[in-house]
Amino acid sequence: MNNSYNEIIVTDCLTAGELFWDLKREKGKIAGYSLTPHGDMNWEYMDRKLVTWRKMSLTRPVKVHGASSEMLLGNEFKNHLERIYSCIYDTGEAKAYL
């Protein structure tokens, strides 16, 4: 994914740091999930970008830009991705959506 997709990839902050920055992804081509000023997931920001999701976020909190602490994304986040986006990559533990 890192080598074949040249636009912005949106992911949880841990994945952004550990997987993509370590692989020397071009600056500005990776972003963390973020919240609106009202504290809701900023789905508009993720529109027309590749969004990654990890299975562990169903049960473990992740860091999201704009949140004062880690958040449990849970099934609501995954279900929204499944409804709105098309899954283009699935390892069983992680998925990528466009």
PDB file of N, CA and C in Angstrom:
ATOM      1  N   MET A   1       0.828  -1.180   0.000  1.00  0.00           N
ATOM      2  CA  MET A   1       0.000   0.000   0.000  1.00  0.00           C
ATOM      3  C   MET A   1       0.874   1.245   0.000  1.00  0.00           C
ATOM      4  N   ASN A   2       1.887   1.247   0.815  1.00  0.00           N
ATOM      5  CA  ASN A   2       2.753   2.407   0.930  1.00  0.00           C
ATOM      6  C   ASN A   2       3.425   2.733  -0.404  1.00  0.00           C
ATOM      7  N   ASN A   3       3.791   1.718  -1.158  1.00  0.00           N
ATOM      8  CA  ASN A   3       4.480   1.935  -2.425  1.00  0.00           C
ATOM      9  C   ASN A   3       3.544   2.128  -3.613  1.00  0.00           C
ATOM     10  N   SER A   4       2.309   1.679  -3.499  1.00  0.00           N
ATOM     11  CA  SER A   4       1.421   1.732  -4.665  1.00  0.00           C
ATOM     12  C   SER A   4       0.369   2.830  -4.609  1.00  0.00           C
ATOM     13  N   TYR A   5       0.215   3.512  -3.482  1.00  0.00           N
ATOM     14  CA  TYR A   5      -0.789   4.573  -3.355  1.00  0.00           C
ATOM     15  C   TYR A   5      -0.068   5.872  -3.042  1.00  0.00           C
ATOM     16  N   ASN A   6      -0.198   6.863  -3.918  1.00  0.00           N
ATOM     17  CA  ASN A   6       0.586   8.085  -3.794  1.00  0.00           C
ATOM     18  C   ASN A   6      -0.154   9.245  -3.133  1.00  0.00           C
ATOM     19  N   GLU A   7      -1.406   9.080  -2.795  1.00  0.00           N
ATOM     20  CA  GLU A   7      -2.163  10.159  -2.159  1.00  0.00           C
ATOM     21  C   GLU A   7      -2.138   9.983  -0.635  1.00  0.00           C
ATOM     22  N   ILE A   8      -2.908  10.787   0.064  1.00  0.00           N
ATOM     23  CA  ILE A   8      -2.924  10.748   1.531  1.00  0.00           C
ATOM     24  C   ILE A   8      -3.570   9.465   2.048  1.00  0.00           C
ATOM     25  N   ILE A   9      -2.899   8.835   3.001  1.00  0.00           N
ATOM     26  CA  ILE A   9      -3.438   7.683   3.707  1.00  0.00           C
ATOM     27  C   ILE A   9      -3.815   8.152   5.112  1.00  0.00           C
ATOM     28  N   VAL A  10      -5.042   7.876   5.534  1.00  0.00           N
ATOM     29  CA  VAL A  10      -5.527   8.253   6.859  1.00  0.00           C
ATOM     30  C   VAL A  10      -5.618   6.988   7.705  1.00  0.00           C
ATOM     31  N   THR A  11      -5.089   7.061   8.923  1.00  0.00           N
ATOM     32  CA  THR A  11      -5.029   5.896   9.781  1.00  0.00           C
ATOM     33  C   THR A  11      -5.002   6.341  11.246  1.00  0.00           C
ATOM     34  N   ASP A  12      -5.011   5.401  12.174  1.00  0.00           N
ATOM     35  CA  ASP A  12      -4.838   5.799  13.567  1.00  0.00           C
ATOM     36  C   ASP A  12      -3.413   6.303  13.752  1.00  0.00           C
ATOM     37  N   CYS A  13      -3.198   7.126  14.749  1.00  0.00           N
ATOM     38  CA  CYS A  13      -1.901   7.793  14.927  1.00  0.00           C
ATOM     39  C   CYS A  13      -0.758   6.816  15.182  1.00  0.00           C
ATOM     40  N   LEU A  14      -1.014   5.726  15.890  1.00  0.00           N
ATOM     41  CA  LEU A  14       0.029   4.732  16.145  1.00  0.00           C
ATOM     42  C   LEU A  14       0.489   4.097  14.836  1.00  0.00           C
ATOM     43  N   THR A  15      -0.443   3.698  14.007  1.00  0.00           N
ATOM     44  CA  THR A  15      -0.090   3.098  12.720  1.00  0.00           C
ATOM     45  C   THR A  15       0.658   4.099  11.857  1.00  0.00           C
ATOM     46  N   ALA A  16       0.207   5.331  11.862  1.00  0.00           N
ATOM     47  CA  ALA A  16       0.888   6.363  11.070  1.00  0.00           C
ATOM     48  C   ALA A  16       2.349   6.459  11.474  1.00  0.00           C
ATOM     49  N   GLY A  17       2.615   6.478  12.753  1.00  0.00           N
ATOM     50  CA  GLY A  17       3.986   6.609  13.223  1.00  0.00           C
ATOM     51  C   GLY A  17       4.824   5.364  13.030  1.00  0.00           C
ATOM     52  N   GLU A  18       4.296   4.244  13.445  1.00  0.00           N
ATOM     53  CA  GLU A  18       5.095   3.018  13.434  1.00  0.00           C
ATOM     54  C   GLU A  18       5.270   2.410  12.049  1.00  0.00           C
ATOM     55  N   LEU A  19       4.234   2.433  11.249  1.00  0.00           N
ATOM     56  CA  LEU A  19       4.323   1.744   9.966  1.00  0.00           C
ATOM     57  C   LEU A  19       4.718   2.660   8.812  1.00  0.00           C
ATOM     58  N   PHE A  20       4.082   3.799   8.695  1.00  0.00           N
ATOM     59  CA  PHE A  20       4.298   4.615   7.514  1.00  0.00           C
ATOM     60  C   PHE A  20       5.488   5.556   7.638  1.00  0.00           C
ATOM     61  N   TRP A  21       5.650   6.241   8.755  1.00  0.00           N
ATOM     62  CA  TRP A  21       6.793   7.139   8.887  1.00  0.00           C
ATOM     63  C   TRP A  21       8.090   6.346   8.880  1.00  0.00           C
ATOM     64  N   ASP A  22       8.090   5.170   9.471  1.00  0.00           N
ATOM     65  CA  ASP A  22       9.278   4.327   9.459  1.00  0.00           C
ATOM     66  C   ASP A  22       9.628   3.869   8.044  1.00  0.00           C
ATOM     67  N   LEU A  23       8.631   3.803   7.174  1.00  0.00           N
ATOM     68  CA  LEU A  23       8.871   3.409   5.782  1.00  0.00           C
ATOM     69  C   LEU A  23       9.196   4.604   4.900  1.00  0.00           C
ATOM     70  N   LYS A  24       9.386   5.760   5.518  1.00  0.00           N
ATOM     71  CA  LYS A  24       9.791   6.984   4.822  1.00  0.00           C
ATOM     72  C   LYS A  24       8.740   7.465   3.834  1.00  0.00           C
ATOM     73  N   ARG A  25       7.483   7.348   4.200  1.00  0.00           N
ATOM     74  CA  ARG A  25       6.412   7.876   3.352  1.00  0.00           C
ATOM     75  C   ARG A  25       6.594   9.382   3.244  1.00  0.00           C
ATOM     76  N   GLU A  26       6.370   9.921   2.064  1.00  0.00           N
ATOM     77  CA  GLU A  26       6.551  11.352   1.816  1.00  0.00           C
ATOM     78  C   GLU A  26       5.751  12.189   2.809  1.00  0.00           C
ATOM     79  N   LYS A  27       6.389  13.219   3.349  1.00  0.00           N
ATOM     80  CA  LYS A  27       5.738  14.104   4.319  1.00  0.00           C
ATOM     81  C   LYS A  27       4.464  14.675   3.707  1.00  0.00           C
ATOM     82  N   GLY A  28       3.395  14.683   4.486  1.00  0.00           N
ATOM     83  CA  GLY A  28       2.115  15.179   4.005  1.00  0.00           C
ATOM     84  C   GLY A  28       1.259  14.121   3.335  1.00  0.00           C
ATOM     85  N   LYS A  29       1.776  12.901   3.205  1.00  0.00           N
ATOM     86  CA  LYS A  29       1.018  11.823   2.558  1.00  0.00           C
ATOM     87  C   LYS A  29       0.471  10.821   3.562  1.00  0.00           C
ATOM     88  N   ILE A  30       0.574  11.145   4.853  1.00  0.00           N
ATOM     89  CA  ILE A  30       0.009  10.304   5.899  1.00  0.00           C
ATOM     90  C   ILE A  30      -0.652  11.215   6.926  1.00  0.00           C
ATOM     91  N   ALA A  31      -1.810  10.817   7.400  1.00  0.00           N
ATOM     92  CA  ALA A  31      -2.539  11.623   8.387  1.00  0.00           C
ATOM     93  C   ALA A  31      -3.261  10.690   9.346  1.00  0.00           C
ATOM     94  N   GLY A  32      -3.445  11.167  10.563  1.00  0.00           N
ATOM     95  CA  GLY A  32      -4.189  10.409  11.560  1.00  0.00           C
ATOM     96  C   GLY A  32      -5.670  10.726  11.488  1.00  0.00           C
ATOM     97  N   TYR A  33      -6.486   9.793  11.964  1.00  0.00           N
ATOM     98  CA  TYR A  33      -7.909  10.097  12.122  1.00  0.00           C
ATOM     99  C   TYR A  33      -8.014  11.376  12.931  1.00  0.00           C
ATOM    100  N   SER A  34      -9.028  12.179  12.661  1.00  0.00           N
ATOM    101  CA  SER A  34      -9.177  13.413  13.430  1.00  0.00           C
ATOM    102  C   SER A  34     -10.643  13.668  13.759  1.00  0.00           C
ATOM    103  N   LEU A  35     -10.826  14.545  14.728  1.00  0.00           N
ATOM    104  CA  LEU A  35     -12.164  14.904  15.185  1.00  0.00           C
ATOM    105  C   LEU A  35     -12.542  16.297  14.695  1.00  0.00           C
ATOM    106  N   THR A  36     -13.836  16.533  14.586  1.00  0.00           N
ATOM    107  CA  THR A  36     -14.342  17.871  14.307  1.00  0.00           C
ATOM    108  C   THR A  36     -14.229  18.687  15.589  1.00  0.00           C
ATOM    109  N   PRO A  37     -14.395  20.006  15.526  1.00  0.00           N
ATOM    110  CA  PRO A  37     -14.387  20.816  16.749  1.00  0.00           C
ATOM    111  C   PRO A  37     -15.457  20.391  17.765  1.00  0.00           C
ATOM    112  N   HIS A  38     -16.508  19.701  17.302  1.00  0.00           N
ATOM    113  CA  HIS A  38     -17.581  19.230  18.184  1.00  0.00           C
ATOM    114  C   HIS A  38     -17.278  17.864  18.810  1.00  0.00           C
ATOM    115  N   GLY A  39     -16.131  17.258  18.441  1.00  0.00           N
ATOM    116  CA  GLY A  39     -15.739  15.986  19.032  1.00  0.00           C
ATOM    117  C   GLY A  39     -16.201  14.758  18.277  1.00  0.00           C
ATOM    118  N   ASP A  40     -16.784  14.947  17.091  1.00  0.00           N
ATOM    119  CA  ASP A  40     -17.207  13.811  16.261  1.00  0.00           C
ATOM    120  C   ASP A  40     -16.084  13.425  15.306  1.00  0.00           C
ATOM    121  N   MET A  41     -16.112  12.184  14.824  1.00  0.00           N
ATOM    122  CA  MET A  41     -15.123  11.762  13.841  1.00  0.00           C
ATOM    123  C   MET A  41     -15.267  12.651  12.607  1.00  0.00           C
ATOM    124  N   ASN A  42     -14.166  13.124  12.070  1.00  0.00           N
ATOM    125  CA  ASN A  42     -14.184  14.022  10.919  1.00  0.00           C
ATOM    126  C   ASN A  42     -14.193  13.207   9.625  1.00  0.00           C
ATOM    127  N   TRP A  43     -15.364  12.696   9.287  1.00  0.00           N
ATOM    128  CA  TRP A  43     -15.513  11.870   8.086  1.00  0.00           C
ATOM    129  C   TRP A  43     -15.285  12.694   6.825  1.00  0.00           C
ATOM    130  N   GLU A  44     -15.629  13.961   6.857  1.00  0.00           N
ATOM    131  CA  GLU A  44     -15.441  14.820   5.687  1.00  0.00           C
ATOM    132  C   GLU A  44     -13.955  14.907   5.315  1.00  0.00           C
ATOM    133  N   TYR A  45     -13.091  14.983   6.315  1.00  0.00           N
ATOM    134  CA  TYR A  45     -11.658  15.023   6.052  1.00  0.00           C
ATOM    135  C   TYR A  45     -11.192  13.733   5.376  1.00  0.00           C
ATOM    136  N   MET A  46     -11.764  12.608   5.762  1.00  0.00           N
ATOM    137  CA  MET A  46     -11.334  11.317   5.226  1.00  0.00           C
ATOM    138  C   MET A  46     -11.879  11.036   3.831  1.00  0.00           C
ATOM    139  N   ASP A  47     -12.846  11.831   3.396  1.00  0.00           N
ATOM    140  CA  ASP A  47     -13.453  11.638   2.080  1.00  0.00           C
ATOM    141  C   ASP A  47     -12.400  11.723   0.979  1.00  0.00           C
ATOM    142  N   ARG A  48     -12.450  10.782   0.069  1.00  0.00           N
ATOM    143  CA  ARG A  48     -11.555  10.716  -1.098  1.00  0.00           C
ATOM    144  C   ARG A  48     -10.099  10.471  -0.735  1.00  0.00           C
ATOM    145  N   LYS A  49      -9.898   9.796   0.386  1.00  0.00           N
ATOM    146  CA  LYS A  49      -8.563   9.389   0.803  1.00  0.00           C
ATOM    147  C   LYS A  49      -8.603   7.893   1.107  1.00  0.00           C
ATOM    148  N   LEU A  50      -7.460   7.263   1.096  1.00  0.00           N
ATOM    149  CA  LEU A  50      -7.376   5.871   1.496  1.00  0.00           C
ATOM    150  C   LEU A  50      -7.385   5.841   3.020  1.00  0.00           C
ATOM    151  N   VAL A  51      -8.300   5.091   3.604  1.00  0.00           N
ATOM    152  CA  VAL A  51      -8.444   5.003   5.053  1.00  0.00           C
ATOM    153  C   VAL A  51      -8.110   3.577   5.478  1.00  0.00           C
ATOM    154  N   THR A  52      -7.203   3.448   6.449  1.00  0.00           N
ATOM    155  CA  THR A  52      -6.889   2.126   6.965  1.00  0.00           C
ATOM    156  C   THR A  52      -7.594   1.921   8.298  1.00  0.00           C
ATOM    157  N   TRP A  53      -7.836   0.678   8.610  1.00  0.00           N
ATOM    158  CA  TRP A  53      -8.509   0.302   9.858  1.00  0.00           C
ATOM    159  C   TRP A  53      -7.850  -0.965  10.365  1.00  0.00           C
ATOM    160  N   ARG A  54      -7.623  -1.022  11.667  1.00  0.00           N
ATOM    161  CA  ARG A  54      -7.057  -2.230  12.267  1.00  0.00           C
ATOM    162  C   ARG A  54      -8.079  -2.879  13.185  1.00  0.00           C
ATOM    163  N   LYS A  55      -8.170  -4.190  13.117  1.00  0.00           N
ATOM    164  CA  LYS A  55      -9.125  -4.969  13.903  1.00  0.00           C
ATOM    165  C   LYS A  55      -9.001  -4.695  15.395  1.00  0.00           C
ATOM    166  N   MET A  56      -7.787  -4.455  15.852  1.00  0.00           N
ATOM    167  CA  MET A  56      -7.588  -4.230  17.285  1.00  0.00           C
ATOM    168  C   MET A  56      -8.354  -3.010  17.779  1.00  0.00           C
ATOM    169  N   SER A  57      -8.729  -2.088  16.883  1.00  0.00           N
ATOM    170  CA  SER A  57      -9.452  -0.883  17.316  1.00  0.00           C
ATOM    171  C   SER A  57     -10.890  -1.190  17.755  1.00  0.00           C
ATOM    172  N   LEU A  58     -11.312  -2.430  17.578  1.00  0.00           N
ATOM    173  CA  LEU A  58     -12.624  -2.838  18.087  1.00  0.00           C
ATOM    174  C   LEU A  58     -12.604  -2.958  19.610  1.00  0.00           C
ATOM    175  N   THR A  59     -11.430  -3.293  20.157  1.00  0.00           N
ATOM    176  CA  THR A  59     -11.348  -3.541  21.594  1.00  0.00           C
ATOM    177  C   THR A  59     -10.286  -2.708  22.311  1.00  0.00           C
ATOM    178  N   ARG A  60      -9.383  -2.070  21.570  1.00  0.00           N
ATOM    179  CA  ARG A  60      -8.324  -1.255  22.183  1.00  0.00           C
ATOM    180  C   ARG A  60      -8.441   0.191  21.725  1.00  0.00           C
ATOM    181  N   PRO A  61      -8.361   1.143  22.623  1.00  0.00           N
ATOM    182  CA  PRO A  61      -8.405   2.552  22.232  1.00  0.00           C
ATOM    183  C   PRO A  61      -7.201   2.940  21.378  1.00  0.00           C
ATOM    184  N   VAL A  62      -7.407   3.896  20.475  1.00  0.00           N
ATOM    185  CA  VAL A  62      -6.338   4.413  19.618  1.00  0.00           C
ATOM    186  C   VAL A  62      -6.273   5.928  19.748  1.00  0.00           C
ATOM    187  N   LYS A  63      -5.142   6.499  19.396  1.00  0.00           N
ATOM    188  CA  LYS A  63      -4.956   7.942  19.431  1.00  0.00           C
ATOM    189  C   LYS A  63      -5.559   8.552  18.174  1.00  0.00           C
ATOM    190  N   VAL A  64      -6.360   9.607  18.375  1.00  0.00           N
ATOM    191  CA  VAL A  64      -7.023  10.324  17.292  1.00  0.00           C
ATOM    192  C   VAL A  64      -6.702  11.805  17.466  1.00  0.00           C
ATOM    193  N   HIS A  65      -6.322  12.487  16.371  1.00  0.00           N
ATOM    194  CA  HIS A  65      -6.040  13.928  16.455  1.00  0.00           C
ATOM    195  C   HIS A  65      -7.262  14.674  16.973  1.00  0.00           C
ATOM    196  N   GLY A  66      -7.047  15.540  17.923  1.00  0.00           N
ATOM    197  CA  GLY A  66      -8.131  16.336  18.484  1.00  0.00           C
ATOM    198  C   GLY A  66      -8.737  15.743  19.740  1.00  0.00           C
ATOM    199  N   ALA A  67      -8.368  14.518  20.074  1.00  0.00           N
ATOM    200  CA  ALA A  67      -8.888  13.879  21.294  1.00  0.00           C
ATOM    201  C   ALA A  67      -7.874  14.058  22.409  1.00  0.00           C
ATOM    202  N   SER A  68      -8.358  14.318  23.621  1.00  0.00           N
ATOM    203  CA  SER A  68      -7.449  14.516  24.744  1.00  0.00           C
ATOM    204  C   SER A  68      -6.868  13.198  25.249  1.00  0.00           C
ATOM    205  N   SER A  69      -7.499  12.095  24.901  1.00  0.00           N
ATOM    206  CA  SER A  69      -6.984  10.783  25.276  1.00  0.00           C
ATOM    207  C   SER A  69      -7.317   9.806  24.145  1.00  0.00           C
ATOM    208  N   GLU A  70      -6.870   8.578  24.290  1.00  0.00           N
ATOM    209  CA  GLU A  70      -7.168   7.563  23.278  1.00  0.00           C
ATOM    210  C   GLU A  70      -8.663   7.271  23.259  1.00  0.00           C
ATOM    211  N   MET A  71      -9.150   6.850  22.092  1.00  0.00           N
ATOM    212  CA  MET A  71     -10.581   6.568  21.911  1.00  0.00           C
ATOM    213  C   MET A  71     -10.786   5.132  21.455  1.00  0.00           C
ATOM    214  N   LEU A  72     -11.837   4.513  21.947  1.00  0.00           N
ATOM    215  CA  LEU A  72     -12.248   3.214  21.446  1.00  0.00           C
ATOM    216  C   LEU A  72     -13.155   3.468  20.243  1.00  0.00           C
ATOM    217  N   LEU A  73     -12.699   3.073  19.057  1.00  0.00           N
ATOM    218  CA  LEU A  73     -13.490   3.308  17.845  1.00  0.00           C
ATOM    219  C   LEU A  73     -14.648   2.326  17.736  1.00  0.00           C
ATOM    220  N   GLY A  74     -14.392   1.084  18.080  1.00  0.00           N
ATOM    221  CA  GLY A  74     -15.434   0.070  18.127  1.00  0.00           C
ATOM    222  C   GLY A  74     -16.113  -0.227  16.802  1.00  0.00           C
ATOM    223  N   ASN A  75     -17.258  -0.916  16.906  1.00  0.00           N
ATOM    224  CA  ASN A  75     -17.992  -1.356  15.714  1.00  0.00           C
ATOM    225  C   ASN A  75     -18.603  -0.215  14.925  1.00  0.00           C
ATOM    226  N   GLU A  76     -18.976   0.873  15.592  1.00  0.00           N
ATOM    227  CA  GLU A  76     -19.601   1.994  14.886  1.00  0.00           C
ATOM    228  C   GLU A  76     -18.670   2.544  13.805  1.00  0.00           C
ATOM    229  N   PHE A  77     -17.400   2.696  14.125  1.00  0.00           N
ATOM    230  CA  PHE A  77     -16.410   3.192  13.167  1.00  0.00           C
ATOM    231  C   PHE A  77     -16.260   2.211  12.006  1.00  0.00           C
ATOM    232  N   LYS A  78     -16.078   0.932  12.334  1.00  0.00           N
ATOM    233  CA  LYS A  78     -15.924  -0.102  11.301  1.00  0.00           C
ATOM    234  C   LYS A  78     -17.163  -0.176  10.413  1.00  0.00           C
ATOM    235  N   ASN A  79     -18.344  -0.156  11.011  1.00  0.00           N
ATOM    236  CA  ASN A  79     -19.581  -0.236  10.228  1.00  0.00           C
ATOM    237  C   ASN A  79     -19.738   0.956   9.300  1.00  0.00           C
ATOM    238  N   HIS A  80     -19.332   2.149   9.753  1.00  0.00           N
ATOM    239  CA  HIS A  80     -19.397   3.330   8.887  1.00  0.00           C
ATOM    240  C   HIS A  80     -18.464   3.150   7.691  1.00  0.00           C
ATOM    241  N   LEU A  81     -17.254   2.666   7.926  1.00  0.00           N
ATOM    242  CA  LEU A  81     -16.333   2.406   6.817  1.00  0.00           C
ATOM    243  C   LEU A  81     -16.941   1.423   5.823  1.00  0.00           C
ATOM    244  N   GLU A  82     -17.550   0.362   6.335  1.00  0.00           N
ATOM    245  CA  GLU A  82     -18.138  -0.666   5.465  1.00  0.00           C
ATOM    246  C   GLU A  82     -19.298  -0.119   4.633  1.00  0.00           C
ATOM    247  N   ARG A  83     -20.076   0.810   5.204  1.00  0.00           N
ATOM    248  CA  ARG A  83     -21.221   1.385   4.485  1.00  0.00           C
ATOM    249  C   ARG A  83     -20.819   2.412   3.437  1.00  0.00           C
ATOM    250  N   ILE A  84     -19.836   3.235   3.742  1.00  0.00           N
ATOM    251  CA  ILE A  84     -19.518   4.400   2.924  1.00  0.00           C
ATOM    252  C   ILE A  84     -18.383   4.147   1.931  1.00  0.00           C
ATOM    253  N   TYR A  85     -17.428   3.332   2.297  1.00  0.00           N
ATOM    254  CA  TYR A  85     -16.228   3.121   1.484  1.00  0.00           C
ATOM    255  C   TYR A  85     -16.205   1.715   0.894  1.00  0.00           C
ATOM    256  N   SER A  86     -15.303   1.514  -0.041  1.00  0.00           N
ATOM    257  CA  SER A  86     -15.083   0.189  -0.624  1.00  0.00           C
ATOM    258  C   SER A  86     -13.789  -0.375  -0.068  1.00  0.00           C
ATOM    259  N   CYS A  87     -13.854  -1.590   0.449  1.00  0.00           N
ATOM    260  CA  CYS A  87     -12.659  -2.249   0.959  1.00  0.00           C
ATOM    261  C   CYS A  87     -11.818  -2.706  -0.234  1.00  0.00           C
ATOM    262  N   ILE A  88     -10.557  -2.274  -0.270  1.00  0.00           N
ATOM    263  CA  ILE A  88      -9.680  -2.644  -1.376  1.00  0.00           C
ATOM    264  C   ILE A  88      -8.535  -3.548  -0.938  1.00  0.00           C
ATOM    265  N   TYR A  89      -8.395  -3.753   0.385  1.00  0.00           N
ATOM    266  CA  TYR A  89      -7.302  -4.561   0.910  1.00  0.00           C
ATOM    267  C   TYR A  89      -7.737  -5.120   2.261  1.00  0.00           C
ATOM    268  N   ASP A  90      -7.510  -6.416   2.477  1.00  0.00           N
ATOM    269  CA  ASP A  90      -7.942  -7.050   3.727  1.00  0.00           C
ATOM    270  C   ASP A  90      -6.950  -8.137   4.106  1.00  0.00           C
ATOM    271  N   THR A  91      -6.285  -7.954   5.252  1.00  0.00           N
ATOM    272  CA  THR A  91      -5.347  -8.975   5.735  1.00  0.00           C
ATOM    273  C   THR A  91      -5.963  -9.853   6.801  1.00  0.00           C
ATOM    274  N   GLY A  92      -7.189  -9.515   7.220  1.00  0.00           N
ATOM    275  CA  GLY A  92      -7.810 -10.201   8.344  1.00  0.00           C
ATOM    276  C   GLY A  92      -7.604  -9.394   9.622  1.00  0.00           C
ATOM    277  N   GLU A  93      -6.466  -8.748   9.780  1.00  0.00           N
ATOM    278  CA  GLU A  93      -6.170  -7.917  10.939  1.00  0.00           C
ATOM    279  C   GLU A  93      -6.266  -6.421  10.607  1.00  0.00           C
ATOM    280  N   ALA A  94      -6.202  -6.095   9.335  1.00  0.00           N
ATOM    281  CA  ALA A  94      -6.268  -4.700   8.896  1.00  0.00           C
ATOM    282  C   ALA A  94      -6.934  -4.639   7.529  1.00  0.00           C
ATOM    283  N   LYS A  95      -7.593  -3.499   7.278  1.00  0.00           N
ATOM    284  CA  LYS A  95      -8.246  -3.277   5.981  1.00  0.00           C
ATOM    285  C   LYS A  95      -7.907  -1.884   5.492  1.00  0.00           C
ATOM    286  N   ALA A  96      -8.012  -1.708   4.185  1.00  0.00           N
ATOM    287  CA  ALA A  96      -7.839  -0.390   3.571  1.00  0.00           C
ATOM    288  C   ALA A  96      -9.085  -0.111   2.745  1.00  0.00           C
ATOM    289  N   TYR A  97      -9.573   1.100   2.848  1.00  0.00           N
ATOM    290  CA  TYR A  97     -10.822   1.509   2.179  1.00  0.00           C
ATOM    291  C   TYR A  97     -10.581   2.743   1.321  1.00  0.00           C
ATOM    292  N   LEU A  98     -11.274   2.786   0.204  1.00  0.00           N
ATOM    293  CA  LEU A  98     -11.321   3.978  -0.650  1.00  0.00           C
ATOM    294  C   LEU A  98     -12.755   4.367  -0.867  1.00  0.00           C
TER     295      LEU A  98
END
